[in-house]
Amino acid sequence: MTLQEQGFRFFVSANKALYGWVHPAESAERVAAGWVDCTDMTGDEFDVYMGDALEPMEVEEPEDA
């Protein structure tokens, strides 16, 4: 059973620096603190909402020994 199926919600902080699954009992306090519930967004909606905060990560390849 996924976290969403268990009632958890996926929140993103107002500055988009923090994000994660939140227990249902804590959802109201996150909303009050300006966090955005992104649980029901489509992938495209989430990408648009996050904008430049979703810059691709650079992956360093391991050096050959």
Protein backbone atom coordinates (compact mmCIF):
# COMPACT_ATOMS: atom_id res chain seq x y z
CA MET A 1 0.00 0.00 0.00
CA THR A 2 1.42 3.39 -1.02
CA LEU A 3 1.68 6.41 1.26
CA GLN A 4 -1.04 8.13 -0.78
CA GLU A 5 -3.33 5.13 -0.34
CA GLN A 6 -2.68 5.40 3.41
CA GLY A 7 -3.90 9.02 3.39
CA PHE A 8 -0.55 10.81 3.32
CA ARG A 9 -0.29 14.00 1.23
CA PHE A 10 2.71 15.29 -0.76
CA PHE A 11 3.56 18.85 0.28
CA VAL A 12 6.07 21.39 -1.06
CA SER A 13 7.23 24.35 1.03
CA ALA A 14 6.49 27.90 -0.13
CA ASN A 15 10.09 28.43 -1.25
CA LYS A 16 10.05 25.00 -2.97
CA ALA A 17 13.22 23.93 -1.15
CA LEU A 18 11.55 21.31 1.06
CA TYR A 19 9.08 18.61 0.13
CA GLY A 20 7.80 15.26 1.27
CA TRP A 21 4.95 13.02 2.29
CA VAL A 22 3.01 14.33 5.30
CA HIS A 23 0.83 12.36 7.71
CA PRO A 24 -2.85 13.35 7.49
CA ALA A 25 -2.81 14.65 11.08
CA GLU A 26 -0.12 17.20 10.11
CA SER A 27 -1.63 18.39 6.82
CA ALA A 28 -3.56 21.35 8.26
CA GLU A 29 -0.50 22.82 9.97
CA ARG A 30 1.51 22.56 6.72
CA VAL A 31 -1.23 24.41 4.81
CA ALA A 32 -1.30 27.07 7.54
CA ALA A 33 2.48 27.47 7.16
CA GLY A 34 2.12 28.14 3.42
CA TRP A 35 3.02 24.71 2.10
CA VAL A 36 1.24 23.54 -1.08
CA ASP A 37 -0.47 20.16 -1.34
CA CYS A 38 0.73 18.70 -4.65
CA THR A 39 -0.71 15.21 -4.17
CA ASP A 40 -3.41 15.47 -6.82
CA MET A 41 -1.35 17.35 -9.41
CA THR A 42 -0.47 15.58 -12.64
CA GLY A 43 3.21 15.28 -13.49
CA ASP A 44 2.90 18.17 -15.94
CA GLU A 45 1.11 20.38 -13.38
CA PHE A 46 3.81 19.60 -10.82
CA ASP A 47 6.58 20.46 -13.30
CA VAL A 48 4.92 23.81 -14.10
CA TYR A 49 4.37 24.58 -10.39
CA MET A 50 7.98 23.76 -9.48
CA GLY A 51 9.42 25.66 -12.45
CA ASP A 52 13.14 26.39 -12.10
CA ALA A 53 13.28 24.56 -8.77
CA LEU A 54 13.45 21.34 -10.79
CA GLU A 55 16.86 21.87 -12.30
CA PRO A 56 18.44 18.61 -13.41
CA MET A 57 21.03 17.19 -11.05
CA GLU A 58 24.55 16.67 -12.30
CA VAL A 59 25.71 13.12 -11.82
CA GLU A 60 29.40 12.54 -11.43
CA GLU A 61 30.70 9.41 -13.02
CA PRO A 62 33.08 7.37 -10.84
CA GLU A 63 36.70 7.51 -11.89
CA ASP A 64 38.24 4.30 -13.16
CA ALA A 65 40.72 2.84 -10.69
